[in-house]
C-alpha atoms as a PDB file:
ATOM      1  CA  MET A   1    -153.467  83.465-130.669  1.00  0.00           C
ATOM      2  CA  GLY A   2    -155.476  82.915-127.530  1.00  0.00           C
ATOM      3  CA  CYS A   3    -154.192  84.149-124.224  1.00  0.00           C
ATOM      4  CA  SER A   4    -153.618  82.701-120.772  1.00  0.00           C
ATOM      5  CA  PRO A   5    -153.188  84.539-117.474  1.00  0.00           C
ATOM      6  CA  SER A   6    -149.650  85.599-116.719  1.00  0.00           C
ATOM      7  CA  PRO A   7    -147.803  83.682-113.998  1.00  0.00           C
ATOM      8  CA  PRO A   8    -147.888  85.409-110.613  1.00  0.00           C
ATOM      9  CA  ALA A   9    -145.084  87.757-109.701  1.00  0.00           C
ATOM     10  CA  ARG A  10    -141.931  85.913-108.634  1.00  0.00           C
ATOM     11  CA  ALA A  11    -143.288  82.419-109.208  1.00  0.00           C
ATOM     12  CA  ARG A  12    -140.723  79.818-108.226  1.00  0.00           C
ATOM     13  CA  LEU A  13    -139.670  77.966-111.396  1.00  0.00           C
ATOM     14  CA  VAL A  14    -137.820  74.676-111.045  1.00  0.00           C
ATOM     15  CA  VAL A  15    -135.995  73.879-114.314  1.00  0.00           C
ATOM     16  CA  LEU A  16    -135.511  70.120-114.227  1.00  0.00           C
ATOM     17  CA  PHE A  17    -132.919  68.747-116.616  1.00  0.00           C
ATOM     18  CA  GLY A  18    -130.350  66.032-117.279  1.00  0.00           C
ATOM     19  CA  GLY A  19    -131.914  62.651-116.546  1.00  0.00           C
ATOM     20  CA  ARG A  20    -131.064  59.000-116.967  1.00  0.00           C
ATOM     21  CA  SER A  21    -131.706  58.624-120.704  1.00  0.00           C
ATOM     22  CA  ALA A  22    -129.378  58.699-123.698  1.00  0.00           C
ATOM     23  CA  GLU A  23    -130.627  62.242-124.322  1.00  0.00           C
ATOM     24  CA  HIS A  24    -129.069  63.584-121.095  1.00  0.00           C
ATOM     25  CA  ASP A  25    -126.675  65.977-122.821  1.00  0.00           C
ATOM     26  CA  VAL A  26    -129.396  67.353-125.107  1.00  0.00           C
ATOM     27  CA  SER A  27    -131.496  68.070-122.032  1.00  0.00           C
ATOM     28  CA  CYS A  28    -128.628  70.014-120.453  1.00  0.00           C
ATOM     29  CA  VAL A  29    -128.302  72.168-123.574  1.00  0.00           C
ATOM     30  CA  SER A  30    -132.063  72.830-123.631  1.00  0.00           C
ATOM     31  CA  ALA A  31    -131.980  73.836-119.959  1.00  0.00           C
ATOM     32  CA  ALA A  32    -129.045  76.220-120.488  1.00  0.00           C
ATOM     33  CA  SER A  33    -130.984  77.973-123.228  1.00  0.00           C
ATOM     34  CA  VAL A  34    -134.124  78.291-121.109  1.00  0.00           C
ATOM     35  CA  LEU A  35    -132.212  79.548-118.074  1.00  0.00           C
ATOM     36  CA  GLY A  36    -130.550  82.174-120.219  1.00  0.00           C
ATOM     37  CA  ALA A  37    -133.929  83.473-121.359  1.00  0.00           C
ATOM     38  CA  LEU A  38    -135.668  83.608-117.988  1.00  0.00           C
ATOM     39  CA  ASP A  39    -136.219  86.964-116.270  1.00  0.00           C
ATOM     40  CA  PRO A  40    -134.927  86.733-112.659  1.00  0.00           C
ATOM     41  CA  ALA A  41    -137.188  89.636-111.738  1.00  0.00           C
ATOM     42  CA  ARG A  42    -140.182  87.548-112.786  1.00  0.00           C
ATOM     43  CA  TYR A  43    -139.136  84.131-111.496  1.00  0.00           C
ATOM     44  CA  GLU A  44    -137.302  82.699-108.527  1.00  0.00           C
ATOM     45  CA  ILE A  45    -135.226  80.326-110.669  1.00  0.00           C
ATOM     46  CA  ARG A  46    -134.033  76.990-109.349  1.00  0.00           C
ATOM     47  CA  PRO A  47    -132.064  74.712-111.684  1.00  0.00           C
ATOM     48  CA  VAL A  48    -132.261  71.057-110.614  1.00  0.00           C
ATOM     49  CA  GLY A  49    -130.223  68.402-112.402  1.00  0.00           C
ATOM     50  CA  ILE A  50    -130.685  64.659-112.476  1.00  0.00           C
ATOM     51  CA  THR A  51    -127.472  62.674-112.986  1.00  0.00           C
ATOM     52  CA  LEU A  52    -127.149  59.684-115.285  1.00  0.00           C
ATOM     53  CA  ASP A  53    -127.380  57.411-112.245  1.00  0.00           C
ATOM     54  CA  GLY A  54    -130.547  59.108-111.025  1.00  0.00           C
ATOM     55  CA  ARG A  55    -129.303  61.445-108.283  1.00  0.00           C
ATOM     56  CA  TRP A  56    -131.006  64.865-107.929  1.00  0.00           C
ATOM     57  CA  VAL A  57    -128.603  67.763-107.494  1.00  0.00           C
ATOM     58  CA  ALA A  58    -128.528  71.563-107.353  1.00  0.00           C
ATOM     59  CA  ALA A  59    -126.470  72.442-110.431  1.00  0.00           C
ATOM     60  CA  GLU A  60    -126.269  74.472-113.597  1.00  0.00           C
ATOM     61  CA  PRO A  61    -126.574  72.568-116.897  1.00  0.00           C
ATOM     62  CA  GLY A  62    -123.482  70.750-118.153  1.00  0.00           C
ATOM     63  CA  GLU A  63    -122.541  67.129-117.516  1.00  0.00           C
ATOM     64  CA  GLU A  64    -119.584  67.891-115.232  1.00  0.00           C
ATOM     65  CA  MET A  65    -121.615  70.405-113.254  1.00  0.00           C
ATOM     66  CA  VAL A  66    -124.525  68.036-112.905  1.00  0.00           C
ATOM     67  CA  ALA A  67    -122.301  65.182-111.713  1.00  0.00           C
ATOM     68  CA  ALA A  68    -120.654  67.469-109.136  1.00  0.00           C
ATOM     69  CA  GLY A  69    -123.828  69.189-107.939  1.00  0.00           C
ATOM     70  CA  THR A  70    -124.953  69.361-104.342  1.00  0.00           C
ATOM     71  CA  PRO A  71    -127.293  66.428-103.549  1.00  0.00           C
ATOM     72  CA  LEU A  72    -130.984  67.229-103.145  1.00  0.00           C
ATOM     73  CA  ASP A  73    -133.982  65.379-101.815  1.00  0.00           C
ATOM     74  CA  PRO A  74    -136.276  65.022-104.872  1.00  0.00           C
ATOM     75  CA  LEU A  75    -139.454  66.018-103.060  1.00  0.00           C
ATOM     76  CA  ALA A  76    -137.855  68.962-101.313  1.00  0.00           C
ATOM     77  CA  ALA A  77    -136.404  70.121-104.608  1.00  0.00           C
ATOM     78  CA  VAL A  78    -139.802  70.666-106.216  1.00  0.00           C
ATOM     79  CA  LYS A  79    -142.051  71.596-103.278  1.00  0.00           C
ATOM     80  CA  GLY A  80    -142.851  75.119-102.200  1.00  0.00           C
ATOM     81  CA  PRO A  81    -145.432  77.897-102.517  1.00  0.00           C
ATOM     82  CA  THR A  82    -146.299  78.942-106.077  1.00  0.00           C
ATOM     83  CA  THR A  83    -143.812  76.471-107.527  1.00  0.00           C
ATOM     84  CA  VAL A  84    -143.995  75.319-111.144  1.00  0.00           C
ATOM     85  CA  VAL A  85    -141.730  72.627-112.551  1.00  0.00           C
ATOM     86  CA  LEU A  86    -140.486  72.924-116.109  1.00  0.00           C
ATOM     87  CA  PRO A  87    -139.345  69.388-117.066  1.00  0.00           C
ATOM     88  CA  LEU A  88    -136.751  69.454-119.835  1.00  0.00           C
ATOM     89  CA  LEU A  89    -135.976  65.742-119.537  1.00  0.00           C
ATOM     90  CA  HIS A  90    -135.902  64.293-123.037  1.00  0.00           C
ATOM     91  CA  GLY A  91    -136.467  60.569-123.442  1.00  0.00           C
ATOM     92  CA  PRO A  92    -137.227  57.859-120.847  1.00  0.00           C
ATOM     93  CA  PHE A  93    -137.423  58.709-117.152  1.00  0.00           C
ATOM     94  CA  GLY A  94    -138.695  62.198-117.893  1.00  0.00           C
ATOM     95  CA  GLU A  95    -140.640  62.561-121.104  1.00  0.00           C
ATOM     96  CA  ASP A  96    -142.474  59.255-120.622  1.00  0.00           C
ATOM     97  CA  GLY A  97    -144.846  60.138-117.775  1.00  0.00           C
ATOM     98  CA  THR A  98    -142.610  59.044-114.879  1.00  0.00           C
ATOM     99  CA  ILE A  99    -141.712  62.553-113.672  1.00  0.00           C
ATOM    100  CA  GLN A 100    -145.226  63.747-114.435  1.00  0.00           C
ATOM    101  CA  GLY A 101    -146.631  60.978-112.215  1.00  0.00           C
ATOM    102  CA  LEU A 102    -144.342  62.005-109.341  1.00  0.00           C
ATOM    103  CA  LEU A 103    -145.442  65.633-109.636  1.00  0.00           C
ATOM    104  CA  GLU A 104    -149.100  64.650-109.777  1.00  0.00           C
ATOM    105  CA  GLN A 105    -148.685  62.558-106.627  1.00  0.00           C
ATOM    106  CA  ILE A 106    -147.240  65.455-104.626  1.00  0.00           C
ATOM    107  CA  GLY A 107    -149.548  68.100-106.115  1.00  0.00           C
ATOM    108  CA  VAL A 108    -146.972  70.314-107.860  1.00  0.00           C
ATOM    109  CA  PRO A 109    -147.921  72.155-111.091  1.00  0.00           C
ATOM    110  CA  TYR A 110    -145.737  71.351-114.097  1.00  0.00           C
ATOM    111  CA  VAL A 111    -145.384  72.418-117.699  1.00  0.00           C
ATOM    112  CA  GLY A 112    -146.510  70.096-120.435  1.00  0.00           C
ATOM    113  CA  SER A 113    -148.554  66.983-120.923  1.00  0.00           C
ATOM    114  CA  GLY A 114    -149.795  64.694-118.160  1.00  0.00           C
ATOM    115  CA  VAL A 115    -148.962  61.080-117.479  1.00  0.00           C
ATOM    116  CA  LEU A 116    -151.084  59.470-120.174  1.00  0.00           C
ATOM    117  CA  ALA A 117    -150.117  61.748-123.075  1.00  0.00           C
ATOM    118  CA  SER A 118    -146.452  61.720-122.077  1.00  0.00           C
ATOM    119  CA  ALA A 119    -146.339  57.912-121.981  1.00  0.00           C
ATOM    120  CA  LEU A 120    -148.276  57.528-125.253  1.00  0.00           C
ATOM    121  CA  CYS A 121    -146.201  60.010-127.218  1.00  0.00           C
ATOM    122  CA  MET A 122    -142.947  58.610-125.857  1.00  0.00           C
ATOM    123  CA  ASP A 123    -143.897  55.147-127.095  1.00  0.00           C
ATOM    124  CA  LYS A 124    -143.939  55.576-130.864  1.00  0.00           C
ATOM    125  CA  ALA A 125    -145.528  52.147-131.352  1.00  0.00           C
ATOM    126  CA  LEU A 126    -148.554  52.869-129.177  1.00  0.00           C
ATOM    127  CA  ALA A 127    -148.833  56.446-130.449  1.00  0.00           C
ATOM    128  CA  LYS A 128    -149.157  55.108-133.972  1.00  0.00           C
ATOM    129  CA  GLN A 129    -152.006  52.819-132.874  1.00  0.00           C
ATOM    130  CA  VAL A 130    -153.873  55.778-131.377  1.00  0.00           C
ATOM    131  CA  LEU A 131    -153.310  57.903-134.453  1.00  0.00           C
ATOM    132  CA  ASP A 132    -154.543  55.045-136.620  1.00  0.00           C
ATOM    133  CA  GLN A 133    -157.733  54.854-134.578  1.00  0.00           C
ATOM    134  CA  ALA A 134    -158.174  58.605-135.033  1.00  0.00           C
ATOM    135  CA  GLY A 135    -157.956  58.152-138.814  1.00  0.00           C
ATOM    136  CA  LEU A 136    -154.828  60.271-139.237  1.00  0.00           C
ATOM    137  CA  PRO A 137    -152.493  59.559-142.189  1.00  0.00           C
ATOM    138  CA  GLN A 138    -149.138  57.974-141.311  1.00  0.00           C
ATOM    139  CA  PRO A 139    -146.257  56.165-142.991  1.00  0.00           C
ATOM    140  CA  ARG A 140    -146.539  52.394-143.152  1.00  0.00           C
ATOM    141  CA  HIS A 141    -144.821  50.695-140.252  1.00  0.00           C
ATOM    142  CA  LEU A 142    -144.299  47.486-138.269  1.00  0.00           C
ATOM    143  CA  VAL A 143    -143.712  46.991-134.543  1.00  0.00           C
ATOM    144  CA  ARG A 144    -141.396  44.341-133.140  1.00  0.00           C
ATOM    145  CA  ARG A 145    -140.227  43.330-129.662  1.00  0.00           C
ATOM    146  CA  ASP A 146    -136.627  42.221-129.140  1.00  0.00           C
ATOM    147  CA  VAL A 147    -135.768  41.167-125.600  1.00  0.00           C
ATOM    148  CA  ARG A 148    -132.488  39.498-126.591  1.00  0.00           C
ATOM    149  CA  ARG A 149    -130.847  42.656-128.024  1.00  0.00           C
ATOM    150  CA  ASP A 150    -129.366  40.663-130.907  1.00  0.00           C
ATOM    151  CA  GLY A 151    -131.418  41.820-133.884  1.00  0.00           C
ATOM    152  CA  ASN A 152    -133.504  38.662-133.908  1.00  0.00           C
ATOM    153  CA  ALA A 153    -134.190  38.900-137.661  1.00  0.00           C
ATOM    154  CA  ASP A 154    -134.832  35.472-139.169  1.00  0.00           C
ATOM    155  CA  ASP A 155    -135.411  35.046-142.898  1.00  0.00           C
ATOM    156  CA  ALA A 156    -139.192  35.023-142.514  1.00  0.00           C
ATOM    157  CA  PHE A 157    -139.208  38.375-140.718  1.00  0.00           C
ATOM    158  CA  VAL A 158    -136.813  39.965-143.206  1.00  0.00           C
ATOM    159  CA  GLU A 159    -139.084  38.813-146.031  1.00  0.00           C
ATOM    160  CA  HIS A 160    -142.120  40.174-144.157  1.00  0.00           C
ATOM    161  CA  VAL A 161    -140.521  43.604-143.832  1.00  0.00           C
ATOM    162  CA  GLY A 162    -139.722  43.677-147.538  1.00  0.00           C
ATOM    163  CA  ASP A 163    -143.259  42.599-148.462  1.00  0.00           C
ATOM    164  CA  GLN A 164    -145.020  45.072-146.159  1.00  0.00           C
ATOM    165  CA  LEU A 165    -142.752  48.125-146.364  1.00  0.00           C
ATOM    166  CA  GLY A 166    -140.316  47.639-149.226  1.00  0.00           C
ATOM    167  CA  TRP A 167    -136.721  48.880-149.032  1.00  0.00           C
ATOM    168  CA  PRO A 168    -135.227  51.081-147.698  1.00  0.00           C
ATOM    169  CA  VAL A 169    -136.688  51.235-144.182  1.00  0.00           C
ATOM    170  CA  PHE A 170    -135.842  53.062-140.956  1.00  0.00           C
ATOM    171  CA  VAL A 171    -135.445  51.171-137.700  1.00  0.00           C
ATOM    172  CA  LYS A 172    -135.789  53.034-134.408  1.00  0.00           C
ATOM    173  CA  PRO A 173    -136.304  52.416-130.681  1.00  0.00           C
ATOM    174  CA  ALA A 174    -139.960  52.994-129.787  1.00  0.00           C
ATOM    175  CA  ASN A 175    -139.143  54.986-126.632  1.00  0.00           C
ATOM    176  CA  LEU A 176    -136.394  57.430-127.491  1.00  0.00           C
ATOM    177  CA  GLY A 177    -135.901  60.674-129.360  1.00  0.00           C
ATOM    178  CA  SER A 178    -133.223  63.005-130.788  1.00  0.00           C
ATOM    179  CA  SER A 179    -132.581  60.377-133.529  1.00  0.00           C
ATOM    180  CA  VAL A 180    -130.667  58.202-131.041  1.00  0.00           C
ATOM    181  CA  GLY A 181    -130.521  54.558-132.116  1.00  0.00           C
ATOM    182  CA  ILE A 182    -132.051  55.120-135.555  1.00  0.00           C
ATOM    183  CA  SER A 183    -130.685  53.451-138.716  1.00  0.00           C
ATOM    184  CA  ARG A 184    -131.543  53.533-142.375  1.00  0.00           C
ATOM    185  CA  VAL A 185    -131.555  50.032-143.903  1.00  0.00           C
ATOM    186  CA  ASP A 186    -131.229  49.856-147.685  1.00  0.00           C
ATOM    187  CA  GLY A 187    -131.765  46.108-148.061  1.00  0.00           C
ATOM    188  CA  PRO A 188    -132.370  42.792-146.292  1.00  0.00           C
ATOM    189  CA  HIS A 189    -128.775  42.223-145.215  1.00  0.00           C
ATOM    190  CA  GLY A 190    -128.638  45.326-142.981  1.00  0.00           C
ATOM    191  CA  LEU A 191    -131.804  44.705-141.019  1.00  0.00           C
ATOM    192  CA  ALA A 192    -130.421  42.540-138.194  1.00  0.00           C
ATOM    193  CA  GLU A 193    -127.653  45.046-137.354  1.00  0.00           C
ATOM    194  CA  ALA A 194    -130.098  47.940-137.299  1.00  0.00           C
ATOM    195  CA  LEU A 195    -132.509  46.033-135.074  1.00  0.00           C
ATOM    196  CA  ALA A 196    -129.683  45.185-132.690  1.00  0.00           C
ATOM    197  CA  LEU A 197    -128.659  48.837-132.443  1.00  0.00           C
ATOM    198  CA  ALA A 198    -132.229  49.935-131.693  1.00  0.00           C
ATOM    199  CA  ALA A 199    -132.677  47.051-129.215  1.00  0.00           C
ATOM    200  CA  ALA A 200    -129.685  48.369-127.219  1.00  0.00           C
ATOM    201  CA  TYR A 201    -131.989  51.250-126.207  1.00  0.00           C
ATOM    202  CA  ASP A 202    -135.470  49.645-126.026  1.00  0.00           C
ATOM    203  CA  GLU A 203    -137.242  46.270-126.201  1.00  0.00           C
ATOM    204  CA  TRP A 204    -139.914  47.707-128.494  1.00  0.00           C
ATOM    205  CA  LEU A 205    -138.814  48.661-131.991  1.00  0.00           C
ATOM    206  CA  VAL A 206    -140.499  50.434-134.890  1.00  0.00           C
ATOM    207  CA  ILE A 207    -139.697  49.704-138.540  1.00  0.00           C
ATOM    208  CA  GLU A 208    -140.973  52.330-140.985  1.00  0.00           C
ATOM    209  CA  GLU A 209    -141.036  52.723-144.711  1.00  0.00           C
ATOM    210  CA  ALA A 210    -138.598  55.334-146.016  1.00  0.00           C
ATOM    211  CA  ILE A 211    -140.483  58.391-147.255  1.00  0.00           C
ATOM    212  CA  VAL A 212    -139.315  60.487-150.181  1.00  0.00           C
ATOM    213  CA  GLY A 213    -140.730  63.844-149.204  1.00  0.00           C
ATOM    214  CA  ARG A 214    -140.291  67.064-147.285  1.00  0.00           C
ATOM    215  CA  GLU A 215    -139.921  67.143-143.487  1.00  0.00           C
ATOM    216  CA  ILE A 216    -142.400  69.571-141.927  1.00  0.00           C
ATOM    217  CA  GLU A 217    -142.860  70.417-138.252  1.00  0.00           C
ATOM    218  CA  CYS A 218    -145.536  72.351-136.374  1.00  0.00           C
ATOM    219  CA  GLY A 219    -145.768  73.565-132.778  1.00  0.00           C
ATOM    220  CA  VAL A 220    -148.812  73.063-130.610  1.00  0.00           C
ATOM    221  CA  LEU A 221    -149.558  75.172-127.527  1.00  0.00           C
ATOM    222  CA  GLY A 222    -152.478  75.362-125.136  1.00  0.00           C
ATOM    223  CA  ASP A 223    -154.617  73.350-122.755  1.00  0.00           C
ATOM    224  CA  VAL A 224    -158.379  73.071-123.173  1.00  0.00           C
ATOM    225  CA  ILE A 225    -157.961  74.799-126.542  1.00  0.00           C
ATOM    226  CA  LEU A 226    -154.854  73.954-128.560  1.00  0.00           C
ATOM    227  CA  GLU A 227    -153.322  76.302-131.106  1.00  0.00           C
ATOM    228  CA  ALA A 228    -150.868  75.547-133.901  1.00  0.00           C
ATOM    229  CA  SER A 229    -147.856  77.596-134.926  1.00  0.00           C
ATOM    230  CA  VAL A 230    -146.814  78.351-138.474  1.00  0.00           C
ATOM    231  CA  PRO A 231    -145.210  75.255-140.002  1.00  0.00           C
ATOM    232  CA  GLY A 232    -141.448  74.954-140.486  1.00  0.00           C
ATOM    233  CA  GLU A 233    -139.356  72.785-142.759  1.00  0.00           C
ATOM    234  CA  ILE A 234    -136.159  70.828-142.129  1.00  0.00           C
ATOM    235  CA  LEU A 235    -133.626  70.521-144.936  1.00  0.00           C
ATOM    236  CA  PRO A 236    -131.303  67.751-143.686  1.00  0.00           C
ATOM    237  CA  SER A 237    -127.627  67.825-144.478  1.00  0.00           C
ATOM    238  CA  ALA A 238    -127.451  64.014-144.355  1.00  0.00           C
ATOM    239  CA  GLU A 239    -129.674  61.245-145.737  1.00  0.00           C
ATOM    240  CA  PHE A 240    -132.013  61.744-142.798  1.00  0.00           C
ATOM    241  CA  TYR A 241    -132.463  64.226-139.933  1.00  0.00           C
ATOM    242  CA  ASP A 242    -129.927  62.678-137.531  1.00  0.00           C
ATOM    243  CA  PHE A 243    -128.448  63.701-134.170  1.00  0.00           C
ATOM    244  CA  ASP A 244    -125.718  65.919-135.687  1.00  0.00           C
ATOM    245  CA  ASP A 245    -128.251  67.723-137.866  1.00  0.00           C
ATOM    246  CA  LYS A 246    -130.348  68.517-134.816  1.00  0.00           C
ATOM    247  CA  TYR A 247    -127.588  69.715-132.499  1.00  0.00           C
ATOM    248  CA  ALA A 248    -124.454  70.587-134.489  1.00  0.00           C
ATOM    249  CA  ASP A 249    -123.904  74.131-135.708  1.00  0.00           C
ATOM    250  CA  SER A 250    -123.210  72.896-139.228  1.00  0.00           C
ATOM    251  CA  GLY A 251    -126.279  70.663-139.354  1.00  0.00           C
ATOM    252  CA  ALA A 252    -129.642  70.933-141.097  1.00  0.00           C
ATOM    253  CA  GLU A 253    -131.174  74.147-142.377  1.00  0.00           C
ATOM    254  CA  LEU A 254    -134.418  75.092-140.610  1.00  0.00           C
ATOM    255  CA  VAL A 255    -136.802  77.108-142.764  1.00  0.00           C
ATOM    256  CA  VAL A 256    -139.392  79.031-140.726  1.00  0.00           C
ATOM    257  CA  PRO A 257    -142.032  79.539-141.931  1.00  0.00           C
ATOM    258  CA  ALA A 258    -142.031  76.664-144.409  1.00  0.00           C
ATOM    259  CA  ARG A 259    -142.511  77.520-148.064  1.00  0.00           C
ATOM    260  CA  LEU A 260    -145.898  75.861-148.460  1.00  0.00           C
ATOM    261  CA  ALA A 261    -149.118  76.822-150.186  1.00  0.00           C
ATOM    262  CA  ASP A 262    -151.596  78.426-147.824  1.00  0.00           C
ATOM    263  CA  ASP A 263    -154.005  75.486-147.961  1.00  0.00           C
ATOM    264  CA  VAL A 264    -151.181  73.036-147.163  1.00  0.00           C
ATOM    265  CA  SER A 265    -150.049  75.169-144.206  1.00  0.00           C
ATOM    266  CA  ARG A 266    -153.594  75.184-142.875  1.00  0.00           C
ATOM    267  CA  GLU A 267    -153.791  71.416-143.266  1.00  0.00           C
ATOM    268  CA  VAL A 268    -150.516  71.002-141.355  1.00  0.00           C
ATOM    269  CA  GLN A 269    -151.981  73.065-138.522  1.00  0.00           C
ATOM    270  CA  ARG A 270    -155.263  71.120-138.562  1.00  0.00           C
ATOM    271  CA  LEU A 271    -153.530  67.746-138.484  1.00  0.00           C
ATOM    272  CA  ALA A 272    -151.113  68.888-135.783  1.00  0.00           C
ATOM    273  CA  VAL A 273    -153.951  69.841-133.459  1.00  0.00           C
ATOM    274  CA  ALA A 274    -155.895  66.679-134.365  1.00  0.00           C
ATOM    275  CA  ALA A 275    -152.879  64.478-133.532  1.00  0.00           C
ATOM    276  CA  ALA A 276    -152.304  66.294-130.253  1.00  0.00           C
ATOM    277  CA  VAL A 277    -155.957  65.976-129.271  1.00  0.00           C
ATOM    278  CA  ALA A 278    -156.009  62.246-130.127  1.00  0.00           C
ATOM    279  CA  LEU A 279    -152.995  61.714-127.847  1.00  0.00           C
ATOM    280  CA  ARG A 280    -154.371  63.959-125.038  1.00  0.00           C
ATOM    281  CA  VAL A 281    -151.510  66.454-125.327  1.00  0.00           C
ATOM    282  CA  GLU A 282    -151.505  69.537-123.051  1.00  0.00           C
ATOM    283  CA  GLY A 283    -149.210  72.515-122.712  1.00  0.00           C
ATOM    284  CA  MET A 284    -146.793  72.004-125.580  1.00  0.00           C
ATOM    285  CA  ALA A 285    -145.825  69.593-128.321  1.00  0.00           C
ATOM    286  CA  ARG A 286    -144.079  69.506-131.666  1.00  0.00           C
ATOM    287  CA  VAL A 287    -145.784  67.466-134.351  1.00  0.00           C
ATOM    288  CA  ASP A 288    -143.550  66.133-137.145  1.00  0.00           C
ATOM    289  CA  PHE A 289    -144.755  65.343-140.675  1.00  0.00           C
ATOM    290  CA  PHE A 290    -143.594  64.008-143.996  1.00  0.00           C
ATOM    291  CA  TYR A 291    -145.022  65.727-147.041  1.00  0.00           C
ATOM    292  CA  GLU A 292    -145.318  63.719-150.242  1.00  0.00           C
ATOM    293  CA  GLU A 293    -146.284  66.457-152.615  1.00  0.00           C
ATOM    294  CA  ALA A 294    -147.113  64.219-155.635  1.00  0.00           C
ATOM    295  CA  ALA A 295    -148.540  61.246-153.705  1.00  0.00           C
ATOM    296  CA  ARG A 296    -150.190  60.860-150.281  1.00  0.00           C
ATOM    297  CA  GLY A 297    -149.744  64.432-149.076  1.00  0.00           C
ATOM    298  CA  LEU A 298    -149.123  64.995-145.373  1.00  0.00           C
ATOM    299  CA  LEU A 299    -148.237  62.050-143.132  1.00  0.00           C
ATOM    300  CA  VAL A 300    -147.945  62.350-139.354  1.00  0.00           C
ATOM    301  CA  ASN A 301    -144.558  61.030-138.225  1.00  0.00           C
ATOM    302  CA  GLU A 302    -144.528  61.570-134.457  1.00  0.00           C
ATOM    303  CA  VAL A 303    -145.549  63.883-131.602  1.00  0.00           C
ATOM    304  CA  ASN A 304    -142.954  65.148-129.100  1.00  0.00           C
ATOM    305  CA  THR A 305    -144.298  66.379-125.749  1.00  0.00           C
ATOM    306  CA  ILE A 306    -141.001  67.907-124.568  1.00  0.00           C
ATOM    307  CA  PRO A 307    -139.510  69.413-127.724  1.00  0.00           C
ATOM    308  CA  GLY A 308    -135.992  70.729-127.738  1.00  0.00           C
ATOM    309  CA  PHE A 309    -135.386  74.253-126.417  1.00  0.00           C
ATOM    310  CA  THR A 310    -131.798  74.632-127.630  1.00  0.00           C
ATOM    311  CA  PRO A 311    -130.851  77.697-129.697  1.00  0.00           C
ATOM    312  CA  ARG A 312    -131.206  75.510-132.825  1.00  0.00           C
ATOM    313  CA  SER A 313    -134.490  73.886-131.843  1.00  0.00           C
ATOM    314  CA  MET A 314    -137.504  74.180-134.078  1.00  0.00           C
ATOM    315  CA  TYR A 315    -140.214  74.578-131.424  1.00  0.00           C
ATOM    316  CA  PRO A 316    -139.236  78.034-130.065  1.00  0.00           C
ATOM    317  CA  ARG A 317    -138.428  79.189-133.614  1.00  0.00           C
ATOM    318  CA  LEU A 318    -141.898  78.226-134.792  1.00  0.00           C
ATOM    319  CA  TRP A 319    -143.596  80.196-132.046  1.00  0.00           C
ATOM    320  CA  ALA A 320    -141.295  83.186-132.532  1.00  0.00           C
ATOM    321  CA  ALA A 321    -142.361  83.258-136.198  1.00  0.00           C
ATOM    322  CA  THR A 322    -145.981  83.002-135.064  1.00  0.00           C
ATOM    323  CA  GLY A 323    -145.574  86.058-132.837  1.00  0.00           C
ATOM    324  CA  LEU A 324    -144.594  84.596-129.457  1.00  0.00           C
ATOM    325  CA  ALA A 325    -140.994  85.431-128.513  1.00  0.00           C
ATOM    326  CA  TYR A 326    -138.900  82.955-126.486  1.00  0.00           C
ATOM    327  CA  PRO A 327    -139.386  84.577-123.026  1.00  0.00           C
ATOM    328  CA  ASP A 328    -143.110  85.051-123.708  1.00  0.00           C
ATOM    329  CA  LEU A 329    -143.412  81.401-124.732  1.00  0.00           C
ATOM    330  CA  ILE A 330    -141.972  80.310-121.391  1.00  0.00           C
ATOM    331  CA  ASP A 331    -144.338  82.687-119.558  1.00  0.00           C
ATOM    332  CA  ARG A 332    -147.283  81.205-121.464  1.00  0.00           C
ATOM    333  CA  LEU A 333    -146.277  77.648-120.608  1.00  0.00           C
ATOM    334  CA  VAL A 334    -145.912  78.469-116.896  1.00  0.00           C
ATOM    335  CA  ALA A 335    -149.292  80.190-116.892  1.00  0.00           C
ATOM    336  CA  LEU A 336    -150.908  77.206-118.595  1.00  0.00           C
ATOM    337  CA  ALA A 337    -149.430  74.874-115.951  1.00  0.00           C
ATOM    338  CA  LEU A 338    -150.841  76.967-113.120  1.00  0.00           C
ATOM    339  CA  GLU A 339    -154.214  77.276-114.813  1.00  0.00           C
ATOM    340  CA  ARG A 340    -154.545  73.502-115.308  1.00  0.00           C
ATOM    341  CA  HIS A 341    -153.428  72.778-111.741  1.00  0.00           C
ATOM    342  CA  ALA A 342    -155.995  75.199-110.310  1.00  0.00           C
ATOM    343  CA  ARG A 343    -158.787  73.832-112.516  1.00  0.00           C
ATOM    344  CA  ARG A 344    -158.166  70.238-111.523  1.00  0.00           C
ATOM    345  CA  ALA A 345    -157.398  70.760-107.852  1.00  0.00           C
ATOM    346  CA  GLY A 346    -161.046  70.479-106.823  1.00  0.00           C
ATOM    347  CA  ARG A 347    -161.577  67.223-108.748  1.00  0.00           C
ATOM    348  CA  ILE A 348    -158.908  65.112-107.084  1.00  0.00           C
ATOM    349  CA  GLY A 349    -159.112  63.453-103.691  1.00  0.00           C
ATOM    350  CA  ARG A 350    -162.651  64.531-102.826  1.00  0.00           C
ATOM    351  CA  PRO A 351    -164.118  62.492 -99.946  1.00  0.00           C
ATOM    352  CA  ARG A 352    -166.672  59.811-100.763  1.00  0.00           C
ATOM    353  CA  ARG A 353    -170.258  60.582 -99.760  1.00  0.00           C
END
């Protein structure tokens, strides 16, 4: 693997977690794991929570602790000399470019992708368009907008889904993660209910063909040059990789490294970097695939710019198997954030001549 400069001694690290999305609790668990791995001799650690109603507080992870935290001014919470923000805000209002835009405006370095990549990868519908333009293989899909939140599935649309994708299909909100709001639909009669569930979380919905294949994931790390981890495989305990599989102790089995032929592993890594480059990813991402061994091969499913950091999460496991232990991974991400900030500082806000 390539190397980045180490973060300066006693860098101030703001771990930003919680947030206003349906993935609030997942974010708190990720933050608890990260805070447990940080070296207090190396970092001045400052946990900052965002409540479900958008208040910024000084608090340790955990919903009750976030809600009861001491109020903070958002700008004061993240400003300071040699400060780096580690956003662990999964879903809207954190993973979608909004927090990244705030930090760009006030000139604070932060871990992970910038505004454009964050927004693109959060919106699965737009991300699929970009990946199509880049010529990357994907499952067949349709995009639909539902502003009424009622499913809005007339007979013509149901027939269109069957003609274009066949049955079963998966219906999901375009701008959410952690398998929240996702349904498997086995036939025409279940489509309206699944669309209504997804529309409770987002106006833009994605309907995808159901893939019979293996679920493969790959980590991406870097800035100007992106590197890929060894691939891993998910063996779901349910009919698809749902919320309980991701975060319950008795959930899916994660196989790292994945049992793949060497040439397939290399192709996973190549496609992971290609997808990240197409979407302008920086810092970190997890790229998810389906693998149809006897048919189309590898298909890019989605790219996550703030992957989970819980003890069960695939992203840190992938890098540990690649040779980068959890604390070293965090050090690398902080160093990349500082490096990017320093490189770009001279290009922004220069006076006109």
